[in-house]
Amino acid sequence: MRLRAGRLVSCANGDRIRLSVKARRIELLVDDAELKRRAAGATHAREMPARGYAKLYAKEILGADEGCDFAFLRPQ
């Protein structure tokens, strides 16, 4: 199983972002041409860890828009 990478994986030091707590959004304020240039030279896909805390983290941690918590700790 491969982990998916979103737009923020191409974020570099000094890039501007827009954060909206109300809208629950994080936007990377970098033009598409620059993101394509970065993506062309990057290797994003990583193998899922086989076991241990690294596997638990990779499988269960929610994204920033969902609170960066373990999925199994959300209220039912």
Protein backbone atom coordinates (compact mmCIF):
# COMPACT_ATOMS: atom_id res chain seq x y z
CA MET A 1 0.00 0.00 0.00
CA ARG A 2 1.32 3.44 -0.90
CA LEU A 3 0.65 6.61 1.07
CA ARG A 4 -0.98 9.48 -0.83
CA ALA A 5 0.57 12.93 -0.85
CA GLY A 6 -1.43 16.15 -1.09
CA ARG A 7 -0.47 19.64 -2.27
CA LEU A 8 1.22 20.54 1.01
CA VAL A 9 3.89 17.90 0.41
CA SER A 10 5.40 20.36 -2.10
CA CYS A 11 5.56 23.12 0.50
CA ALA A 12 9.03 24.59 1.02
CA ASN A 13 10.50 26.84 3.71
CA GLY A 14 9.37 30.40 3.09
CA ASP A 15 6.22 29.50 1.14
CA ARG A 16 3.13 31.42 2.10
CA ILE A 17 0.01 29.61 3.24
CA ARG A 18 -3.52 30.77 4.01
CA LEU A 19 -5.14 29.26 7.08
CA SER A 20 -8.87 29.50 7.72
CA VAL A 21 -9.97 27.96 10.99
CA LYS A 22 -13.60 28.81 10.28
CA ALA A 23 -13.54 27.10 6.86
CA ARG A 24 -11.18 24.36 8.13
CA ARG A 25 -8.79 24.93 5.22
CA ILE A 26 -5.07 25.29 4.63
CA GLU A 27 -4.07 26.66 1.21
CA LEU A 28 -0.58 26.72 -0.23
CA LEU A 29 -0.11 30.10 -1.97
CA VAL A 30 2.34 28.95 -4.65
CA ASP A 31 1.49 29.07 -8.36
CA ASP A 32 0.80 25.83 -10.23
CA ALA A 33 3.87 26.14 -12.49
CA GLU A 34 6.18 26.19 -9.45
CA LEU A 35 4.37 23.21 -7.88
CA LYS A 36 4.75 21.23 -11.13
CA ARG A 37 8.47 22.07 -11.23
CA ARG A 38 8.90 20.84 -7.65
CA ALA A 39 6.84 17.70 -8.26
CA ALA A 40 8.92 16.76 -11.32
CA GLY A 41 12.03 16.33 -9.17
CA ALA A 42 10.41 14.86 -6.07
CA THR A 43 9.78 11.31 -4.93
CA HIS A 44 6.68 11.37 -2.73
CA ALA A 45 5.44 7.81 -2.57
CA ARG A 46 6.59 5.84 0.43
CA GLU A 47 5.86 2.30 1.39
CA MET A 48 3.51 1.75 4.30
CA PRO A 49 5.52 0.73 7.37
CA ALA A 50 5.09 -2.97 8.13
CA ARG A 51 4.42 -2.70 11.86
CA GLY A 52 4.71 -0.75 15.08
CA TYR A 53 3.93 2.87 15.86
CA ALA A 54 5.01 4.02 12.39
CA LYS A 55 2.31 1.82 10.82
CA LEU A 56 -0.31 2.96 13.31
CA TYR A 57 0.59 6.61 12.66
CA ALA A 58 0.56 6.23 8.87
CA LYS A 59 -2.77 4.42 8.88
CA GLU A 60 -4.73 6.28 11.57
CA ILE A 61 -3.60 9.93 11.83
CA LEU A 62 -6.16 12.34 10.39
CA GLY A 63 -5.22 15.34 8.28
CA ALA A 64 -4.94 18.90 9.55
CA ASP A 65 -8.48 19.67 8.41
CA GLU A 66 -9.74 16.90 10.69
CA GLY A 67 -7.70 17.74 13.79
CA CYS A 68 -4.45 15.73 13.37
CA ASP A 69 -5.67 13.07 15.79
CA PHE A 70 -6.00 9.30 15.60
CA ALA A 71 -9.07 8.33 13.55
CA PHE A 72 -10.15 5.75 16.16
CA LEU A 73 -10.39 8.49 18.84
CA ARG A 74 -13.15 10.40 17.04
CA PRO A 75 -16.56 10.31 18.70
CA GLN A 76 -18.91 7.74 17.17
